[in-house]
Amino acid sequence: MSKNYLKLIGARIRELRKEQGLTQEDVADKAKLNPNYYGRIERGEINVTIETLEKIALAMKVDIA
């Protein structure tokens, strides 16, 4: 996967999180993810699995699409 796609996915997750007034720690806790790992996802530094995206979507109560 291209780094550009990873950054776009991370930016969209960050946008949704901020719209809800949540911190990275809030979402990481709700999704049962390490806060450092979650931060790397938002920054587009790592390739995230569909399973992890689903955890984040459920934590933020949004559709994974």
PDB file of N, CA and C in Angstrom:
ATOM      1  N   MET A   1       0.855  -1.187   0.000  1.00  0.00           N
ATOM      2  CA  MET A   1       0.000   0.000   0.000  1.00  0.00           C
ATOM      3  C   MET A   1       0.895   1.241   0.000  1.00  0.00           C
ATOM      4  N   SER A   2       0.510   2.194  -0.762  1.00  0.00           N
ATOM      5  CA  SER A   2       1.261   3.440  -0.875  1.00  0.00           C
ATOM      6  C   SER A   2       1.165   4.259   0.408  1.00  0.00           C
ATOM      7  N   LYS A   3       2.237   4.966   0.718  1.00  0.00           N
ATOM      8  CA  LYS A   3       2.263   5.840   1.899  1.00  0.00           C
ATOM      9  C   LYS A   3       1.159   6.897   1.818  1.00  0.00           C
ATOM     10  N   ASN A   4       0.847   7.343   0.596  1.00  0.00           N
ATOM     11  CA  ASN A   4      -0.208   8.352   0.441  1.00  0.00           C
ATOM     12  C   ASN A   4      -1.542   7.837   0.952  1.00  0.00           C
ATOM     13  N   TYR A   5      -1.860   6.564   0.654  1.00  0.00           N
ATOM     14  CA  TYR A   5      -3.112   5.986   1.130  1.00  0.00           C
ATOM     15  C   TYR A   5      -3.123   5.881   2.650  1.00  0.00           C
ATOM     16  N   LEU A   6      -2.007   5.499   3.213  1.00  0.00           N
ATOM     17  CA  LEU A   6      -1.923   5.382   4.668  1.00  0.00           C
ATOM     18  C   LEU A   6      -2.134   6.741   5.325  1.00  0.00           C
ATOM     19  N   LYS A   7      -1.566   7.775   4.743  1.00  0.00           N
ATOM     20  CA  LYS A   7      -1.734   9.130   5.291  1.00  0.00           C
ATOM     21  C   LYS A   7      -3.173   9.608   5.139  1.00  0.00           C
ATOM     22  N   LEU A   8      -3.818   9.278   4.017  1.00  0.00           N
ATOM     23  CA  LEU A   8      -5.225   9.657   3.820  1.00  0.00           C
ATOM     24  C   LEU A   8      -6.138   8.961   4.818  1.00  0.00           C
ATOM     25  N   ILE A   9      -5.893   7.685   5.042  1.00  0.00           N
ATOM     26  CA  ILE A   9      -6.693   6.935   6.017  1.00  0.00           C
ATOM     27  C   ILE A   9      -6.494   7.526   7.409  1.00  0.00           C
ATOM     28  N   GLY A  10      -5.250   7.775   7.776  1.00  0.00           N
ATOM     29  CA  GLY A  10      -4.950   8.358   9.084  1.00  0.00           C
ATOM     30  C   GLY A  10      -5.579   9.724   9.259  1.00  0.00           C
ATOM     31  N   ALA A  11      -5.526  10.539   8.214  1.00  0.00           N
ATOM     32  CA  ALA A  11      -6.110  11.887   8.282  1.00  0.00           C
ATOM     33  C   ALA A  11      -7.617  11.814   8.459  1.00  0.00           C
ATOM     34  N   ARG A  12      -8.266  10.866   7.793  1.00  0.00           N
ATOM     35  CA  ARG A  12      -9.728  10.725   7.935  1.00  0.00           C
ATOM     36  C   ARG A  12     -10.097  10.269   9.344  1.00  0.00           C
ATOM     37  N   ILE A  13      -9.320   9.348   9.887  1.00  0.00           N
ATOM     38  CA  ILE A  13      -9.566   8.888  11.258  1.00  0.00           C
ATOM     39  C   ILE A  13      -9.394  10.056  12.231  1.00  0.00           C
ATOM     40  N   ARG A  14      -8.346  10.841  12.048  1.00  0.00           N
ATOM     41  CA  ARG A  14      -8.099  12.007  12.912  1.00  0.00           C
ATOM     42  C   ARG A  14      -9.264  12.996  12.810  1.00  0.00           C
ATOM     43  N   GLU A  15      -9.722  13.244  11.591  1.00  0.00           N
ATOM     44  CA  GLU A  15     -10.832  14.177  11.377  1.00  0.00           C
ATOM     45  C   GLU A  15     -12.091  13.712  12.125  1.00  0.00           C
ATOM     46  N   LEU A  16     -12.418  12.435  12.006  1.00  0.00           N
ATOM     47  CA  LEU A  16     -13.588  11.890  12.700  1.00  0.00           C
ATOM     48  C   LEU A  16     -13.431  11.991  14.212  1.00  0.00           C
ATOM     49  N   ARG A  17     -12.225  11.699  14.694  1.00  0.00           N
ATOM     50  CA  ARG A  17     -11.964  11.759  16.140  1.00  0.00           C
ATOM     51  C   ARG A  17     -12.149  13.176  16.662  1.00  0.00           C
ATOM     52  N   LYS A  18     -11.597  14.140  15.957  1.00  0.00           N
ATOM     53  CA  LYS A  18     -11.697  15.526  16.401  1.00  0.00           C
ATOM     54  C   LYS A  18     -13.130  16.032  16.330  1.00  0.00           C
ATOM     55  N   GLU A  19     -13.893  15.602  15.323  1.00  0.00           N
ATOM     56  CA  GLU A  19     -15.306  15.988  15.228  1.00  0.00           C
ATOM     57  C   GLU A  19     -16.084  15.544  16.463  1.00  0.00           C
ATOM     58  N   GLN A  20     -15.661  14.433  17.047  1.00  0.00           N
ATOM     59  CA  GLN A  20     -16.333  13.892  18.226  1.00  0.00           C
ATOM     60  C   GLN A  20     -15.738  14.418  19.526  1.00  0.00           C
ATOM     61  N   GLY A  21     -14.709  15.237  19.426  1.00  0.00           N
ATOM     62  CA  GLY A  21     -14.096  15.794  20.624  1.00  0.00           C
ATOM     63  C   GLY A  21     -13.338  14.774  21.449  1.00  0.00           C
ATOM     64  N   LEU A  22     -12.813  13.747  20.796  1.00  0.00           N
ATOM     65  CA  LEU A  22     -12.083  12.695  21.493  1.00  0.00           C
ATOM     66  C   LEU A  22     -10.582  12.895  21.360  1.00  0.00           C
ATOM     67  N   THR A  23      -9.844  12.406  22.335  1.00  0.00           N
ATOM     68  CA  THR A  23      -8.383  12.401  22.244  1.00  0.00           C
ATOM     69  C   THR A  23      -7.947  11.078  21.627  1.00  0.00           C
ATOM     70  N   GLN A  24      -6.687  11.026  21.220  1.00  0.00           N
ATOM     71  CA  GLN A  24      -6.144   9.763  20.713  1.00  0.00           C
ATOM     72  C   GLN A  24      -6.240   8.689  21.789  1.00  0.00           C
ATOM     73  N   GLU A  25      -5.982   9.071  23.021  1.00  0.00           N
ATOM     74  CA  GLU A  25      -6.040   8.113  24.129  1.00  0.00           C
ATOM     75  C   GLU A  25      -7.462   7.583  24.324  1.00  0.00           C
ATOM     76  N   ASP A  26      -8.465   8.461  24.160  1.00  0.00           N
ATOM     77  CA  ASP A  26      -9.861   8.028  24.284  1.00  0.00           C
ATOM     78  C   ASP A  26     -10.177   6.924  23.282  1.00  0.00           C
ATOM     79  N   VAL A  27      -9.829   7.173  22.031  1.00  0.00           N
ATOM     80  CA  VAL A  27     -10.139   6.199  20.975  1.00  0.00           C
ATOM     81  C   VAL A  27      -9.331   4.923  21.171  1.00  0.00           C
ATOM     82  N   ALA A  28      -8.056   5.067  21.471  1.00  0.00           N
ATOM     83  CA  ALA A  28      -7.216   3.890  21.687  1.00  0.00           C
ATOM     84  C   ALA A  28      -7.776   3.023  22.815  1.00  0.00           C
ATOM     85  N   ASP A  29      -8.209   3.656  23.893  1.00  0.00           N
ATOM     86  CA  ASP A  29      -8.776   2.918  25.021  1.00  0.00           C
ATOM     87  C   ASP A  29     -10.053   2.191  24.614  1.00  0.00           C
ATOM     88  N   LYS A  30     -10.943   2.895  23.932  1.00  0.00           N
ATOM     89  CA  LYS A  30     -12.211   2.287  23.500  1.00  0.00           C
ATOM     90  C   LYS A  30     -11.989   1.149  22.504  1.00  0.00           C
ATOM     91  N   ALA A  31     -10.974   1.296  21.659  1.00  0.00           N
ATOM     92  CA  ALA A  31     -10.686   0.280  20.647  1.00  0.00           C
ATOM     93  C   ALA A  31      -9.746  -0.806  21.164  1.00  0.00           C
ATOM     94  N   LYS A  32      -9.312  -0.666  22.418  1.00  0.00           N
ATOM     95  CA  LYS A  32      -8.382  -1.615  23.038  1.00  0.00           C
ATOM     96  C   LYS A  32      -7.077  -1.717  22.235  1.00  0.00           C
ATOM     97  N   LEU A  33      -6.537  -0.525  21.891  1.00  0.00           N
ATOM     98  CA  LEU A  33      -5.275  -0.432  21.166  1.00  0.00           C
ATOM     99  C   LEU A  33      -4.271   0.351  22.005  1.00  0.00           C
ATOM    100  N   ASN A  34      -3.004   0.083  21.801  1.00  0.00           N
ATOM    101  CA  ASN A  34      -1.960   0.850  22.455  1.00  0.00           C
ATOM    102  C   ASN A  34      -2.017   2.275  21.914  1.00  0.00           C
ATOM    103  N   PRO A  35      -2.004   3.289  22.777  1.00  0.00           N
ATOM    104  CA  PRO A  35      -2.081   4.676  22.309  1.00  0.00           C
ATOM    105  C   PRO A  35      -0.973   5.061  21.322  1.00  0.00           C
ATOM    106  N   ASN A  36       0.234   4.538  21.522  1.00  0.00           N
ATOM    107  CA  ASN A  36       1.323   4.830  20.585  1.00  0.00           C
ATOM    108  C   ASN A  36       1.040   4.233  19.212  1.00  0.00           C
ATOM    109  N   TYR A  37       0.528   3.027  19.196  1.00  0.00           N
ATOM    110  CA  TYR A  37       0.155   2.353  17.943  1.00  0.00           C
ATOM    111  C   TYR A  37      -0.944   3.153  17.238  1.00  0.00           C
ATOM    112  N   TYR A  38      -1.950   3.571  17.998  1.00  0.00           N
ATOM    113  CA  TYR A  38      -3.043   4.351  17.414  1.00  0.00           C
ATOM    114  C   TYR A  38      -2.515   5.663  16.820  1.00  0.00           C
ATOM    115  N   GLY A  39      -1.624   6.327  17.515  1.00  0.00           N
ATOM    116  CA  GLY A  39      -1.043   7.573  17.010  1.00  0.00           C
ATOM    117  C   GLY A  39      -0.311   7.364  15.695  1.00  0.00           C
ATOM    118  N   ARG A  40       0.380   6.244  15.579  1.00  0.00           N
ATOM    119  CA  ARG A  40       1.087   5.925  14.328  1.00  0.00           C
ATOM    120  C   ARG A  40       0.105   5.679  13.192  1.00  0.00           C
ATOM    121  N   ILE A  41      -1.049   5.131  13.503  1.00  0.00           N
ATOM    122  CA  ILE A  41      -2.085   4.936  12.479  1.00  0.00           C
ATOM    123  C   ILE A  41      -2.551   6.293  11.971  1.00  0.00           C
ATOM    124  N   GLU A  42      -2.855   7.206  12.876  1.00  0.00           N
ATOM    125  CA  GLU A  42      -3.316   8.538  12.478  1.00  0.00           C
ATOM    126  C   GLU A  42      -2.269   9.283  11.656  1.00  0.00           C
ATOM    127  N   ARG A  43      -1.014   9.067  11.950  1.00  0.00           N
ATOM    128  CA  ARG A  43       0.060   9.745  11.210  1.00  0.00           C
ATOM    129  C   ARG A  43       0.394   9.051   9.895  1.00  0.00           C
ATOM    130  N   GLY A  44      -0.241   7.904   9.633  1.00  0.00           N
ATOM    131  CA  GLY A  44       0.001   7.182   8.393  1.00  0.00           C
ATOM    132  C   GLY A  44       1.353   6.511   8.339  1.00  0.00           C
ATOM    133  N   GLU A  45       1.873   6.149   9.493  1.00  0.00           N
ATOM    134  CA  GLU A  45       3.210   5.557   9.563  1.00  0.00           C
ATOM    135  C   GLU A  45       3.209   4.044   9.405  1.00  0.00           C
ATOM    136  N   ILE A  46       2.057   3.419   9.643  1.00  0.00           N
ATOM    137  CA  ILE A  46       2.010   1.952   9.578  1.00  0.00           C
ATOM    138  C   ILE A  46       0.800   1.500   8.780  1.00  0.00           C
ATOM    139  N   ASN A  47       0.923   0.303   8.228  1.00  0.00           N
ATOM    140  CA  ASN A  47      -0.158  -0.298   7.476  1.00  0.00           C
ATOM    141  C   ASN A  47      -1.134  -0.927   8.473  1.00  0.00           C
ATOM    142  N   VAL A  48      -2.350  -0.474   8.454  1.00  0.00           N
ATOM    143  CA  VAL A  48      -3.345  -0.921   9.422  1.00  0.00           C
ATOM    144  C   VAL A  48      -4.213  -2.014   8.791  1.00  0.00           C
ATOM    145  N   THR A  49      -4.588  -3.009   9.599  1.00  0.00           N
ATOM    146  CA  THR A  49      -5.431  -4.086   9.098  1.00  0.00           C
ATOM    147  C   THR A  49      -6.899  -3.663   9.099  1.00  0.00           C
ATOM    148  N   ILE A  50      -7.687  -4.379   8.333  1.00  0.00           N
ATOM    149  CA  ILE A  50      -9.134  -4.137   8.309  1.00  0.00           C
ATOM    150  C   ILE A  50      -9.710  -4.394   9.699  1.00  0.00           C
ATOM    151  N   GLU A  51      -9.194  -5.393  10.380  1.00  0.00           N
ATOM    152  CA  GLU A  51      -9.673  -5.710  11.734  1.00  0.00           C
ATOM    153  C   GLU A  51      -9.450  -4.527  12.677  1.00  0.00           C
ATOM    154  N   THR A  52      -8.293  -3.891  12.593  1.00  0.00           N
ATOM    155  CA  THR A  52      -7.993  -2.735  13.436  1.00  0.00           C
ATOM    156  C   THR A  52      -8.857  -1.546  13.043  1.00  0.00           C
ATOM    157  N   LEU A  53      -9.071  -1.350  11.743  1.00  0.00           N
ATOM    158  CA  LEU A  53      -9.968  -0.276  11.291  1.00  0.00           C
ATOM    159  C   LEU A  53     -11.375  -0.485  11.841  1.00  0.00           C
ATOM    160  N   GLU A  54     -11.808  -1.739  11.882  1.00  0.00           N
ATOM    161  CA  GLU A  54     -13.126  -2.047  12.427  1.00  0.00           C
ATOM    162  C   GLU A  54     -13.190  -1.693  13.914  1.00  0.00           C
ATOM    163  N   LYS A  55     -12.152  -2.003  14.670  1.00  0.00           N
ATOM    164  CA  LYS A  55     -12.113  -1.665  16.097  1.00  0.00           C
ATOM    165  C   LYS A  55     -12.216  -0.153  16.295  1.00  0.00           C
ATOM    166  N   ILE A  56     -11.488   0.602  15.462  1.00  0.00           N
ATOM    167  CA  ILE A  56     -11.500   2.059  15.563  1.00  0.00           C
ATOM    168  C   ILE A  56     -12.880   2.597  15.197  1.00  0.00           C
ATOM    169  N   ALA A  57     -13.469   2.061  14.130  1.00  0.00           N
ATOM    170  CA  ALA A  57     -14.799   2.503  13.700  1.00  0.00           C
ATOM    171  C   ALA A  57     -15.837   2.232  14.799  1.00  0.00           C
ATOM    172  N   LEU A  58     -15.783   1.056  15.388  1.00  0.00           N
ATOM    173  CA  LEU A  58     -16.723   0.730  16.466  1.00  0.00           C
ATOM    174  C   LEU A  58     -16.508   1.651  17.671  1.00  0.00           C
ATOM    175  N   ALA A  59     -15.266   1.942  17.986  1.00  0.00           N
ATOM    176  CA  ALA A  59     -14.946   2.805  19.118  1.00  0.00           C
ATOM    177  C   ALA A  59     -15.511   4.207  18.908  1.00  0.00           C
ATOM    178  N   MET A  60     -15.516   4.662  17.661  1.00  0.00           N
ATOM    179  CA  MET A  60     -16.015   6.004  17.350  1.00  0.00           C
ATOM    180  C   MET A  60     -17.459   5.988  16.870  1.00  0.00           C
ATOM    181  N   LYS A  61     -18.064   4.802  16.844  1.00  0.00           N
ATOM    182  CA  LYS A  61     -19.471   4.633  16.436  1.00  0.00           C
ATOM    183  C   LYS A  61     -19.736   5.225  15.055  1.00  0.00           C
ATOM    184  N   VAL A  62     -18.850   4.854  14.114  1.00  0.00           N
ATOM    185  CA  VAL A  62     -19.012   5.249  12.714  1.00  0.00           C
ATOM    186  C   VAL A  62     -18.928   4.015  11.831  1.00  0.00           C
ATOM    187  N   ASP A  63     -19.445   4.138  10.616  1.00  0.00           N
ATOM    188  CA  ASP A  63     -19.370   3.065   9.658  1.00  0.00           C
ATOM    189  C   ASP A  63     -17.938   2.949   9.146  1.00  0.00           C
ATOM    190  N   ILE A  64     -17.453   1.764   8.961  1.00  0.00           N
ATOM    191  CA  ILE A  64     -16.066   1.561   8.540  1.00  0.00           C
ATOM    192  C   ILE A  64     -15.833   2.145   7.139  1.00  0.00           C
ATOM    193  N   ALA A  65     -16.848   2.226   6.341  1.00  0.00           N
ATOM    194  CA  ALA A  65     -16.695   2.785   4.978  1.00  0.00           C
ATOM    195  C   ALA A  65     -16.329   4.247   5.076  1.00  0.00           C
TER     196      ALA A  65
END
